[in-house]
Amino acid sequence: MCDGAKVTLNGLGDLARFPVDPTVTRVESWADLHDRLARAQRDQLRRQQIERLGGMTRDLTVQQKADVLRESISHVESSLVSAKLPDGYRITVPRTALDLVEWGDRLHNCIGGYAHAWNTGRSILGSVHHGEDLIGAFELVQPDSGNAWKIEQMLGKRNRGLEPEVRSAVEQAMTQAGVDVPQTYWGSR
């Protein structure tokens, strides 16, 4: 999100949405503030999701949606999961909302907060692994119903960008899956 004193508009938006945490009384930088508030939000979401979303899977919700949306999501997800990436990299998609919470814990970011958007089909979420290591996550959105999915963000640990060669390989897999990859998105620079 931020590097030193440099703060992006997306980063400020994140900070504005985080709940106030009275235990955060001193921070070293904008990045430190973001990370501490994201961690507090993640902990709160984890507790709530374990209670409410623990067994929820997208399959139940998707069955109720239009066939077009279901087929679109399935096509993109299966294309990304089966994509050939170099040097032991691979893409996965969540099976349950708790997968997202786990990814957020491991990446130190707020992807767990996207469970509702994922569950309702507003977002396609995925992760990038190198071997067994989780190194990043991404969000795809569909700006208008029926249009192509497009990448909204792809970030590594602590909301930092992925290495350019990894990001490029994932972008290529997305393009092959029919996903629009704009010149700039959150994490592209």
N, C-alpha and C. Protein backbone atom coordinates (compact mmCIF):
# COMPACT_ATOMS: atom_id res chain seq x y z
N MET A 1 0.82 -1.18 0.00
CA MET A 1 0.00 0.00 0.00
C MET A 1 0.86 1.24 0.00
N CYS A 2 1.73 1.37 0.97
CA CYS A 2 2.55 2.56 1.02
C CYS A 2 3.99 2.18 1.27
N ASP A 3 4.85 3.07 0.89
CA ASP A 3 6.26 2.84 1.08
C ASP A 3 6.81 4.09 1.73
N GLY A 4 7.21 3.99 2.99
CA GLY A 4 7.67 5.16 3.70
C GLY A 4 6.56 6.17 3.84
N ALA A 5 6.85 7.42 3.43
CA ALA A 5 5.86 8.48 3.55
C ALA A 5 4.95 8.57 2.32
N LYS A 6 5.24 7.79 1.29
CA LYS A 6 4.44 7.83 0.06
C LYS A 6 3.14 7.05 0.28
N VAL A 7 2.01 7.70 0.11
CA VAL A 7 0.72 7.06 0.35
C VAL A 7 -0.10 7.14 -0.93
N THR A 8 -0.65 6.01 -1.36
CA THR A 8 -1.50 6.01 -2.55
C THR A 8 -2.94 6.33 -2.16
N LEU A 9 -3.75 6.71 -3.14
CA LEU A 9 -5.16 6.97 -2.85
C LEU A 9 -5.84 5.70 -2.36
N ASN A 10 -5.49 4.54 -2.95
CA ASN A 10 -6.06 3.29 -2.46
C ASN A 10 -5.68 3.06 -1.01
N GLY A 11 -4.45 3.40 -0.67
CA GLY A 11 -3.99 3.23 0.70
C GLY A 11 -4.77 4.10 1.67
N LEU A 12 -5.01 5.35 1.28
CA LEU A 12 -5.82 6.23 2.14
C LEU A 12 -7.24 5.70 2.26
N GLY A 13 -7.76 5.17 1.17
CA GLY A 13 -9.11 4.58 1.22
C GLY A 13 -9.16 3.42 2.20
N ASP A 14 -8.12 2.58 2.19
CA ASP A 14 -8.04 1.48 3.15
C ASP A 14 -8.07 2.02 4.57
N LEU A 15 -7.22 3.02 4.84
CA LEU A 15 -7.14 3.57 6.19
C LEU A 15 -8.48 4.13 6.64
N ALA A 16 -9.20 4.76 5.73
CA ALA A 16 -10.50 5.33 6.09
C ALA A 16 -11.53 4.25 6.42
N ARG A 17 -11.39 3.07 5.82
CA ARG A 17 -12.36 2.00 6.05
C ARG A 17 -12.04 1.13 7.27
N PHE A 18 -10.80 1.17 7.73
CA PHE A 18 -10.45 0.33 8.86
C PHE A 18 -11.15 0.83 10.12
N PRO A 19 -11.57 -0.11 11.00
CA PRO A 19 -12.17 0.33 12.26
C PRO A 19 -11.10 0.96 13.15
N VAL A 20 -11.53 1.87 14.00
CA VAL A 20 -10.61 2.49 14.95
C VAL A 20 -10.14 1.43 15.92
N ASP A 21 -8.85 1.41 16.17
CA ASP A 21 -8.28 0.45 17.12
C ASP A 21 -7.59 1.25 18.23
N PRO A 22 -8.18 1.31 19.42
CA PRO A 22 -7.62 2.13 20.50
C PRO A 22 -6.26 1.64 20.98
N THR A 23 -5.87 0.43 20.63
CA THR A 23 -4.56 -0.07 21.07
C THR A 23 -3.42 0.47 20.21
N VAL A 24 -3.74 1.05 19.06
CA VAL A 24 -2.71 1.64 18.20
C VAL A 24 -2.53 3.09 18.63
N THR A 25 -1.46 3.34 19.37
CA THR A 25 -1.23 4.69 19.89
C THR A 25 0.00 5.35 19.27
N ARG A 26 0.87 4.55 18.67
CA ARG A 26 2.08 5.10 18.05
C ARG A 26 2.45 4.24 16.86
N VAL A 27 2.79 4.88 15.75
CA VAL A 27 3.21 4.15 14.56
C VAL A 27 4.47 4.78 14.00
N GLU A 28 5.20 3.98 13.24
CA GLU A 28 6.47 4.44 12.67
C GLU A 28 6.29 5.07 11.29
N SER A 29 5.25 4.65 10.56
CA SER A 29 5.06 5.14 9.19
C SER A 29 3.61 4.88 8.77
N TRP A 30 3.26 5.38 7.59
CA TRP A 30 1.93 5.09 7.05
C TRP A 30 1.77 3.59 6.84
N ALA A 31 2.83 2.94 6.38
CA ALA A 31 2.76 1.49 6.16
C ALA A 31 2.52 0.76 7.48
N ASP A 32 3.20 1.23 8.54
CA ASP A 32 3.01 0.62 9.85
C ASP A 32 1.57 0.81 10.34
N LEU A 33 1.03 2.02 10.15
CA LEU A 33 -0.37 2.27 10.53
C LEU A 33 -1.30 1.35 9.76
N HIS A 34 -1.11 1.27 8.46
CA HIS A 34 -1.94 0.38 7.63
C HIS A 34 -1.86 -1.05 8.13
N ASP A 35 -0.64 -1.54 8.36
CA ASP A 35 -0.47 -2.94 8.77
C ASP A 35 -1.12 -3.21 10.13
N ARG A 36 -0.96 -2.28 11.07
CA ARG A 36 -1.56 -2.49 12.40
C ARG A 36 -3.09 -2.48 12.33
N LEU A 37 -3.65 -1.54 11.58
CA LEU A 37 -5.11 -1.49 11.46
C LEU A 37 -5.64 -2.68 10.66
N ALA A 38 -4.90 -3.08 9.63
CA ALA A 38 -5.32 -4.26 8.84
C ALA A 38 -5.30 -5.50 9.72
N ARG A 39 -4.28 -5.63 10.56
CA ARG A 39 -4.18 -6.79 11.46
C ARG A 39 -5.37 -6.81 12.43
N ALA A 40 -5.71 -5.64 12.99
CA ALA A 40 -6.85 -5.58 13.91
C ALA A 40 -8.15 -5.94 13.19
N GLN A 41 -8.31 -5.42 11.96
CA GLN A 41 -9.51 -5.76 11.19
C GLN A 41 -9.54 -7.24 10.86
N ARG A 42 -8.39 -7.79 10.48
CA ARG A 42 -8.30 -9.21 10.14
C ARG A 42 -8.69 -10.08 11.34
N ASP A 43 -8.20 -9.71 12.51
CA ASP A 43 -8.54 -10.48 13.71
C ASP A 43 -10.04 -10.42 13.98
N GLN A 44 -10.62 -9.23 13.84
CA GLN A 44 -12.06 -9.09 14.05
C GLN A 44 -12.83 -9.90 13.01
N LEU A 45 -12.43 -9.80 11.74
CA LEU A 45 -13.11 -10.55 10.68
C LEU A 45 -12.97 -12.05 10.88
N ARG A 46 -11.79 -12.49 11.31
CA ARG A 46 -11.58 -13.92 11.52
C ARG A 46 -12.57 -14.44 12.56
N ARG A 47 -12.71 -13.70 13.66
CA ARG A 47 -13.66 -14.14 14.69
C ARG A 47 -15.08 -14.19 14.14
N GLN A 48 -15.48 -13.16 13.40
CA GLN A 48 -16.83 -13.13 12.84
C GLN A 48 -17.04 -14.22 11.80
N GLN A 49 -16.05 -14.42 10.95
CA GLN A 49 -16.20 -15.39 9.87
C GLN A 49 -16.19 -16.82 10.37
N ILE A 50 -15.45 -17.08 11.40
CA ILE A 50 -15.46 -18.42 11.97
C ILE A 50 -16.86 -18.72 12.49
N GLU A 51 -17.49 -17.71 13.08
CA GLU A 51 -18.85 -17.91 13.59
C GLU A 51 -19.88 -18.02 12.46
N ARG A 52 -19.79 -17.12 11.46
CA ARG A 52 -20.84 -17.06 10.44
C ARG A 52 -20.53 -17.78 9.14
N LEU A 53 -19.28 -17.76 8.70
CA LEU A 53 -18.97 -18.22 7.35
C LEU A 53 -18.19 -19.52 7.30
N GLY A 54 -17.90 -20.10 8.43
CA GLY A 54 -17.03 -21.26 8.47
C GLY A 54 -17.31 -22.32 7.44
N GLY A 55 -18.53 -22.72 7.26
CA GLY A 55 -18.83 -23.78 6.31
C GLY A 55 -19.35 -23.30 4.98
N MET A 56 -19.41 -21.98 4.77
CA MET A 56 -20.00 -21.46 3.55
C MET A 56 -19.07 -21.70 2.36
N THR A 57 -19.62 -22.13 1.28
CA THR A 57 -18.86 -22.21 0.03
C THR A 57 -19.62 -21.45 -1.03
N ARG A 58 -18.94 -21.03 -2.05
CA ARG A 58 -19.57 -20.26 -3.09
C ARG A 58 -20.58 -21.10 -3.86
N ASP A 59 -20.41 -22.42 -3.92
CA ASP A 59 -21.30 -23.27 -4.71
C ASP A 59 -22.77 -23.03 -4.38
N LEU A 60 -23.10 -22.86 -3.11
CA LEU A 60 -24.50 -22.66 -2.73
C LEU A 60 -25.05 -21.36 -3.32
N THR A 61 -24.26 -20.31 -3.27
CA THR A 61 -24.71 -19.03 -3.78
C THR A 61 -24.73 -19.01 -5.30
N VAL A 62 -23.73 -19.58 -5.93
CA VAL A 62 -23.63 -19.54 -7.38
C VAL A 62 -24.78 -20.29 -8.03
N GLN A 63 -25.25 -21.36 -7.38
CA GLN A 63 -26.36 -22.13 -7.95
C GLN A 63 -27.61 -21.26 -8.07
N GLN A 64 -27.71 -20.24 -7.25
CA GLN A 64 -28.87 -19.36 -7.28
C GLN A 64 -28.68 -18.22 -8.28
N LYS A 65 -27.49 -18.04 -8.79
CA LYS A 65 -27.22 -16.94 -9.71
C LYS A 65 -27.51 -17.34 -11.14
N ALA A 66 -27.51 -16.36 -12.00
CA ALA A 66 -27.73 -16.61 -13.43
C ALA A 66 -26.64 -17.53 -13.95
N ASP A 67 -27.00 -18.40 -14.91
CA ASP A 67 -26.04 -19.33 -15.49
C ASP A 67 -24.85 -18.60 -16.10
N VAL A 68 -25.07 -17.45 -16.66
CA VAL A 68 -23.99 -16.70 -17.30
C VAL A 68 -22.90 -16.35 -16.29
N LEU A 69 -23.30 -15.85 -15.12
CA LEU A 69 -22.32 -15.49 -14.10
C LEU A 69 -21.58 -16.72 -13.62
N ARG A 70 -22.31 -17.79 -13.34
CA ARG A 70 -21.68 -19.02 -12.84
C ARG A 70 -20.67 -19.55 -13.85
N GLU A 71 -21.07 -19.61 -15.11
CA GLU A 71 -20.17 -20.12 -16.14
C GLU A 71 -18.96 -19.20 -16.31
N SER A 72 -19.18 -17.91 -16.22
CA SER A 72 -18.09 -16.95 -16.35
C SER A 72 -17.07 -17.13 -15.23
N ILE A 73 -17.55 -17.23 -14.01
CA ILE A 73 -16.65 -17.43 -12.86
C ILE A 73 -15.92 -18.75 -13.00
N SER A 74 -16.63 -19.81 -13.30
CA SER A 74 -16.01 -21.14 -13.42
C SER A 74 -14.96 -21.16 -14.51
N HIS A 75 -15.27 -20.54 -15.65
CA HIS A 75 -14.31 -20.52 -16.76
C HIS A 75 -13.02 -19.80 -16.35
N VAL A 76 -13.16 -18.62 -15.76
CA VAL A 76 -11.98 -17.84 -15.37
C VAL A 76 -11.19 -18.58 -14.30
N GLU A 77 -11.88 -19.07 -13.26
CA GLU A 77 -11.17 -19.78 -12.19
C GLU A 77 -10.44 -21.01 -12.71
N SER A 78 -11.11 -21.84 -13.51
CA SER A 78 -10.47 -23.06 -13.99
C SER A 78 -9.32 -22.74 -14.94
N SER A 79 -9.46 -21.69 -15.75
CA SER A 79 -8.37 -21.28 -16.63
C SER A 79 -7.15 -20.82 -15.84
N LEU A 80 -7.38 -20.06 -14.78
CA LEU A 80 -6.26 -19.57 -13.98
C LEU A 80 -5.59 -20.69 -13.20
N VAL A 81 -6.39 -21.58 -12.63
CA VAL A 81 -5.82 -22.69 -11.84
C VAL A 81 -5.00 -23.62 -12.73
N SER A 82 -5.42 -23.80 -13.97
CA SER A 82 -4.70 -24.72 -14.86
C SER A 82 -3.60 -24.02 -15.66
N ALA A 83 -3.42 -22.72 -15.47
CA ALA A 83 -2.40 -21.97 -16.23
C ALA A 83 -1.00 -22.49 -15.92
N LYS A 84 -0.19 -22.54 -16.94
CA LYS A 84 1.21 -22.95 -16.78
C LYS A 84 2.04 -21.71 -16.45
N LEU A 85 2.54 -21.66 -15.24
CA LEU A 85 3.40 -20.57 -14.81
C LEU A 85 4.83 -21.10 -14.68
N PRO A 86 5.83 -20.24 -14.82
CA PRO A 86 7.22 -20.70 -14.76
C PRO A 86 7.69 -21.02 -13.34
N ASP A 87 8.72 -21.84 -13.27
CA ASP A 87 9.51 -22.05 -12.05
C ASP A 87 8.73 -22.37 -10.79
N GLY A 88 7.76 -23.23 -10.86
CA GLY A 88 7.06 -23.66 -9.65
C GLY A 88 6.01 -22.70 -9.12
N TYR A 89 5.66 -21.68 -9.88
CA TYR A 89 4.59 -20.77 -9.47
C TYR A 89 3.26 -21.38 -9.87
N ARG A 90 2.21 -21.08 -9.08
CA ARG A 90 0.88 -21.58 -9.42
C ARG A 90 -0.17 -20.64 -8.84
N ILE A 91 -1.37 -20.74 -9.40
CA ILE A 91 -2.50 -19.94 -8.95
C ILE A 91 -3.52 -20.87 -8.31
N THR A 92 -4.10 -20.43 -7.20
CA THR A 92 -5.19 -21.18 -6.57
C THR A 92 -6.38 -20.24 -6.37
N VAL A 93 -7.54 -20.82 -6.17
CA VAL A 93 -8.74 -20.04 -5.84
C VAL A 93 -9.29 -20.58 -4.52
N PRO A 94 -9.99 -19.73 -3.76
CA PRO A 94 -10.51 -20.19 -2.47
C PRO A 94 -11.65 -21.19 -2.62
N ARG A 95 -11.73 -22.11 -1.67
CA ARG A 95 -12.86 -23.04 -1.62
C ARG A 95 -13.90 -22.55 -0.62
N THR A 96 -13.44 -21.92 0.44
CA THR A 96 -14.35 -21.38 1.46
C THR A 96 -13.88 -19.99 1.86
N ALA A 97 -14.74 -19.27 2.58
CA ALA A 97 -14.38 -17.95 3.08
C ALA A 97 -13.20 -18.02 4.04
N LEU A 98 -13.06 -19.12 4.75
CA LEU A 98 -11.95 -19.24 5.68
C LEU A 98 -10.61 -19.30 4.95
N ASP A 99 -10.59 -19.78 3.70
CA ASP A 99 -9.34 -19.72 2.91
C ASP A 99 -8.88 -18.27 2.79
N LEU A 100 -9.83 -17.37 2.57
CA LEU A 100 -9.48 -15.95 2.42
C LEU A 100 -8.92 -15.38 3.72
N VAL A 101 -9.50 -15.77 4.84
CA VAL A 101 -9.01 -15.31 6.14
C VAL A 101 -7.58 -15.82 6.35
N GLU A 102 -7.35 -17.08 6.01
CA GLU A 102 -6.00 -17.65 6.14
C GLU A 102 -5.01 -16.91 5.25
N TRP A 103 -5.41 -16.63 4.01
CA TRP A 103 -4.52 -15.89 3.11
C TRP A 103 -4.18 -14.52 3.71
N GLY A 104 -5.19 -13.84 4.26
CA GLY A 104 -4.95 -12.54 4.88
C GLY A 104 -3.97 -12.63 6.04
N ASP A 105 -4.10 -13.68 6.84
CA ASP A 105 -3.16 -13.88 7.95
C ASP A 105 -1.74 -14.08 7.43
N ARG A 106 -1.61 -14.91 6.42
CA ARG A 106 -0.28 -15.25 5.91
C ARG A 106 0.35 -14.10 5.12
N LEU A 107 -0.47 -13.31 4.44
CA LEU A 107 0.05 -12.20 3.63
C LEU A 107 0.08 -10.88 4.40
N HIS A 108 -0.51 -10.85 5.60
CA HIS A 108 -0.61 -9.62 6.39
C HIS A 108 -1.34 -8.54 5.58
N ASN A 109 -2.50 -8.91 5.04
CA ASN A 109 -3.33 -7.93 4.34
C ASN A 109 -4.80 -8.22 4.63
N CYS A 110 -5.69 -7.50 3.97
CA CYS A 110 -7.11 -7.56 4.33
C CYS A 110 -7.95 -8.35 3.33
N ILE A 111 -7.38 -9.34 2.63
CA ILE A 111 -8.16 -10.10 1.65
C ILE A 111 -9.32 -10.86 2.32
N GLY A 112 -9.18 -11.19 3.59
CA GLY A 112 -10.28 -11.85 4.30
C GLY A 112 -11.53 -11.00 4.34
N GLY A 113 -11.37 -9.69 4.24
CA GLY A 113 -12.51 -8.78 4.23
C GLY A 113 -13.29 -8.80 2.93
N TYR A 114 -12.78 -9.52 1.93
CA TYR A 114 -13.46 -9.61 0.64
C TYR A 114 -14.35 -10.85 0.54
N ALA A 115 -14.56 -11.54 1.64
CA ALA A 115 -15.34 -12.79 1.62
C ALA A 115 -16.74 -12.58 1.06
N HIS A 116 -17.39 -11.50 1.44
CA HIS A 116 -18.75 -11.27 0.96
C HIS A 116 -18.77 -11.03 -0.55
N ALA A 117 -17.84 -10.22 -1.05
CA ALA A 117 -17.77 -9.96 -2.49
C ALA A 117 -17.49 -11.25 -3.25
N TRP A 118 -16.63 -12.10 -2.70
CA TRP A 118 -16.33 -13.39 -3.32
C TRP A 118 -17.56 -14.29 -3.29
N ASN A 119 -18.19 -14.37 -2.14
CA ASN A 119 -19.32 -15.28 -1.96
C ASN A 119 -20.51 -14.90 -2.83
N THR A 120 -20.70 -13.61 -3.08
CA THR A 120 -21.83 -13.17 -3.89
C THR A 120 -21.50 -13.10 -5.38
N GLY A 121 -20.25 -13.40 -5.75
CA GLY A 121 -19.87 -13.39 -7.16
C GLY A 121 -19.51 -12.03 -7.70
N ARG A 122 -19.37 -11.03 -6.82
CA ARG A 122 -18.95 -9.70 -7.28
C ARG A 122 -17.46 -9.66 -7.59
N SER A 123 -16.70 -10.56 -6.97
CA SER A 123 -15.25 -10.62 -7.19
C SER A 123 -14.82 -12.06 -7.39
N ILE A 124 -13.80 -12.22 -8.21
CA ILE A 124 -13.09 -13.50 -8.27
C ILE A 124 -11.77 -13.24 -7.55
N LEU A 125 -11.48 -14.05 -6.57
CA LEU A 125 -10.25 -13.89 -5.79
C LEU A 125 -9.36 -15.09 -6.01
N GLY A 126 -8.08 -14.87 -5.96
CA GLY A 126 -7.13 -15.96 -6.14
C GLY A 126 -5.83 -15.65 -5.45
N SER A 127 -4.99 -16.66 -5.34
CA SER A 127 -3.69 -16.49 -4.71
C SER A 127 -2.60 -17.00 -5.63
N VAL A 128 -1.40 -16.50 -5.40
CA VAL A 128 -0.22 -16.89 -6.16
C VAL A 128 0.74 -17.56 -5.19
N HIS A 129 1.19 -18.75 -5.56
CA HIS A 129 2.11 -19.52 -4.72
C HIS A 129 3.40 -19.78 -5.47
N HIS A 130 4.48 -19.90 -4.72
CA HIS A 130 5.74 -20.41 -5.26
C HIS A 130 6.05 -21.63 -4.42
N GLY A 131 5.90 -22.81 -5.02
CA GLY A 131 5.98 -24.04 -4.24
C GLY A 131 4.84 -24.03 -3.24
N GLU A 132 5.17 -24.17 -1.98
CA GLU A 132 4.14 -24.14 -0.93
C GLU A 132 3.97 -22.76 -0.31
N ASP A 133 4.81 -21.81 -0.71
CA ASP A 133 4.76 -20.46 -0.13
C ASP A 133 3.70 -19.61 -0.82
N LEU A 134 2.83 -19.01 -0.03
CA LEU A 134 1.84 -18.05 -0.53
C LEU A 134 2.56 -16.72 -0.67
N ILE A 135 2.60 -16.17 -1.89
CA ILE A 135 3.36 -14.94 -2.10
C ILE A 135 2.49 -13.75 -2.51
N GLY A 136 1.23 -13.99 -2.87
CA GLY A 136 0.38 -12.87 -3.28
C GLY A 136 -1.05 -13.29 -3.48
N ALA A 137 -1.88 -12.29 -3.72
CA ALA A 137 -3.30 -12.53 -3.97
C ALA A 137 -3.80 -11.48 -4.95
N PHE A 138 -4.94 -11.77 -5.59
CA PHE A 138 -5.49 -10.83 -6.56
C PHE A 138 -7.00 -10.81 -6.47
N GLU A 139 -7.56 -9.70 -6.98
CA GLU A 139 -9.01 -9.55 -7.08
C GLU A 139 -9.35 -9.18 -8.52
N LEU A 140 -10.33 -9.88 -9.08
CA LEU A 140 -10.88 -9.56 -10.39
C LEU A 140 -12.30 -9.07 -10.18
N VAL A 141 -12.69 -8.06 -10.93
CA VAL A 141 -14.06 -7.53 -10.84
C VAL A 141 -14.64 -7.48 -12.24
N GLN A 142 -15.96 -7.43 -12.30
CA GLN A 142 -16.67 -7.32 -13.57
C GLN A 142 -17.37 -5.96 -13.56
N PRO A 143 -16.76 -4.94 -14.22
CA PRO A 143 -17.29 -3.58 -14.12
C PRO A 143 -18.77 -3.47 -14.46
N ASP A 144 -19.19 -4.11 -15.53
CA ASP A 144 -20.59 -4.10 -15.92
C ASP A 144 -21.00 -5.53 -16.20
N SER A 145 -22.21 -5.86 -15.82
CA SER A 145 -22.69 -7.22 -16.04
C SER A 145 -22.52 -7.61 -17.50
N GLY A 146 -21.94 -8.76 -17.72
CA GLY A 146 -21.76 -9.27 -19.07
C GLY A 146 -20.43 -8.89 -19.70
N ASN A 147 -19.74 -7.89 -19.14
CA ASN A 147 -18.43 -7.52 -19.68
C ASN A 147 -17.36 -8.44 -19.13
N ALA A 148 -16.19 -8.35 -19.71
CA ALA A 148 -15.07 -9.18 -19.26
C ALA A 148 -14.67 -8.83 -17.83
N TRP A 149 -14.17 -9.82 -17.14
CA TRP A 149 -13.59 -9.59 -15.82
C TRP A 149 -12.31 -8.79 -16.03
N LYS A 150 -11.95 -7.96 -15.06
CA LYS A 150 -10.69 -7.22 -15.15
C LYS A 150 -9.99 -7.26 -13.80
N ILE A 151 -8.68 -7.15 -13.87
CA ILE A 151 -7.92 -7.17 -12.63
C ILE A 151 -8.07 -5.83 -11.92
N GLU A 152 -8.40 -5.90 -10.65
CA GLU A 152 -8.55 -4.71 -9.82
C GLU A 152 -7.28 -4.48 -9.00
N GLN A 153 -6.73 -5.58 -8.48
CA GLN A 153 -5.52 -5.49 -7.68
C GLN A 153 -4.80 -6.83 -7.63
N MET A 154 -3.48 -6.78 -7.54
CA MET A 154 -2.66 -7.97 -7.33
C MET A 154 -1.48 -7.53 -6.46
N LEU A 155 -1.45 -8.06 -5.25
CA LEU A 155 -0.49 -7.59 -4.26
C LEU A 155 0.17 -8.76 -3.55
N GLY A 156 1.37 -8.51 -3.06
CA GLY A 156 2.09 -9.51 -2.28
C GLY A 156 1.92 -9.25 -0.80
N LYS A 157 2.89 -9.72 -0.03
CA LYS A 157 2.82 -9.55 1.42
C LYS A 157 2.80 -8.07 1.79
N ARG A 158 2.01 -7.78 2.79
CA ARG A 158 1.85 -6.41 3.32
C ARG A 158 1.47 -5.41 2.22
N ASN A 159 0.67 -5.87 1.27
CA ASN A 159 0.16 -5.04 0.18
C ASN A 159 1.26 -4.41 -0.68
N ARG A 160 2.37 -5.10 -0.79
CA ARG A 160 3.42 -4.65 -1.69
C ARG A 160 3.27 -5.37 -3.01
N GLY A 161 3.81 -4.80 -4.06
CA GLY A 161 3.72 -5.41 -5.38
C GLY A 161 4.51 -6.70 -5.47
N LEU A 162 4.07 -7.59 -6.35
CA LEU A 162 4.83 -8.81 -6.62
C LEU A 162 6.04 -8.47 -7.47
N GLU A 163 7.02 -9.38 -7.48
CA GLU A 163 8.17 -9.20 -8.35
C GLU A 163 7.68 -9.06 -9.79
N PRO A 164 8.29 -8.18 -10.59
CA PRO A 164 7.79 -7.93 -11.95
C PRO A 164 7.66 -9.18 -12.81
N GLU A 165 8.61 -10.11 -12.73
CA GLU A 165 8.52 -11.30 -13.58
C GLU A 165 7.36 -12.21 -13.15
N VAL A 166 7.08 -12.28 -11.86
CA VAL A 166 5.95 -13.08 -11.38
C VAL A 166 4.65 -12.41 -11.78
N ARG A 167 4.57 -11.10 -11.54
CA ARG A 167 3.36 -10.34 -11.92
C ARG A 167 3.08 -10.49 -13.41
N SER A 168 4.12 -10.41 -14.23
CA SER A 168 3.96 -10.53 -15.67
C SER A 168 3.43 -11.91 -16.06
N ALA A 169 3.94 -12.97 -15.43
CA ALA A 169 3.48 -14.33 -15.73
C ALA A 169 2.02 -14.51 -15.35
N VAL A 170 1.62 -13.96 -14.20
CA VAL A 170 0.22 -14.07 -13.77
C VAL A 170 -0.67 -13.24 -14.69
N GLU A 171 -0.21 -12.05 -15.08
CA GLU A 171 -0.98 -11.23 -16.02
C GLU A 171 -1.19 -11.97 -17.34
N GLN A 172 -0.16 -12.66 -17.81
CA GLN A 172 -0.28 -13.42 -19.06
C GLN A 172 -1.32 -14.52 -18.91
N ALA A 173 -1.30 -15.23 -17.77
CA ALA A 173 -2.30 -16.27 -17.52
C ALA A 173 -3.70 -15.66 -17.49
N MET A 174 -3.83 -14.48 -16.90
CA MET A 174 -5.13 -13.80 -16.85
C MET A 174 -5.61 -13.43 -18.25
N THR A 175 -4.71 -12.90 -19.06
CA THR A 175 -5.07 -12.53 -20.43
C THR A 175 -5.55 -13.76 -21.20
N GLN A 176 -4.84 -14.88 -21.03
CA GLN A 176 -5.24 -16.12 -21.72
C GLN A 176 -6.60 -16.62 -21.23
N ALA A 177 -6.96 -16.27 -20.00
CA ALA A 177 -8.26 -16.67 -19.44
C ALA A 177 -9.37 -15.69 -19.83
N GLY A 178 -9.02 -14.65 -20.61
CA GLY A 178 -10.02 -13.69 -21.05
C GLY A 178 -10.21 -12.52 -20.10
N VAL A 179 -9.31 -12.38 -19.14
CA VAL A 179 -9.39 -11.29 -18.16
C VAL A 179 -8.71 -10.06 -18.75
N ASP A 180 -9.33 -8.90 -18.59
CA ASP A 180 -8.75 -7.64 -19.03
C ASP A 180 -7.68 -7.23 -18.03
N VAL A 181 -6.48 -6.96 -18.52
CA VAL A 181 -5.38 -6.52 -17.66
C VAL A 181 -5.02 -5.09 -18.06
N PRO A 182 -5.56 -4.10 -17.34
CA PRO A 182 -5.26 -2.71 -17.69
C PRO A 182 -3.79 -2.37 -17.43
N GLN A 183 -3.34 -1.27 -18.03
CA GLN A 183 -1.95 -0.84 -17.84
C GLN A 183 -1.64 -0.60 -16.37
N THR A 184 -2.58 0.03 -15.67
CA THR A 184 -2.36 0.30 -14.25
C THR A 184 -3.52 -0.24 -13.43
N TYR A 185 -3.18 -0.85 -12.35
CA TYR A 185 -4.12 -1.33 -11.35
C TYR A 185 -3.34 -1.35 -10.05
N TRP A 186 -4.02 -1.57 -8.93
CA TRP A 186 -3.33 -1.55 -7.65
C TRP A 186 -2.36 -2.72 -7.59
N GLY A 187 -1.07 -2.41 -7.53
CA GLY A 187 -0.03 -3.43 -7.48
C GLY A 187 0.74 -3.56 -8.78
N SER A 188 0.34 -2.79 -9.81
CA SER A 188 1.02 -2.93 -11.10
C SER A 188 2.34 -2.17 -11.15
N ARG A 189 2.60 -1.35 -10.18
CA ARG A 189 3.85 -0.58 -10.18
C ARG A 189 4.57 -0.71 -8.88
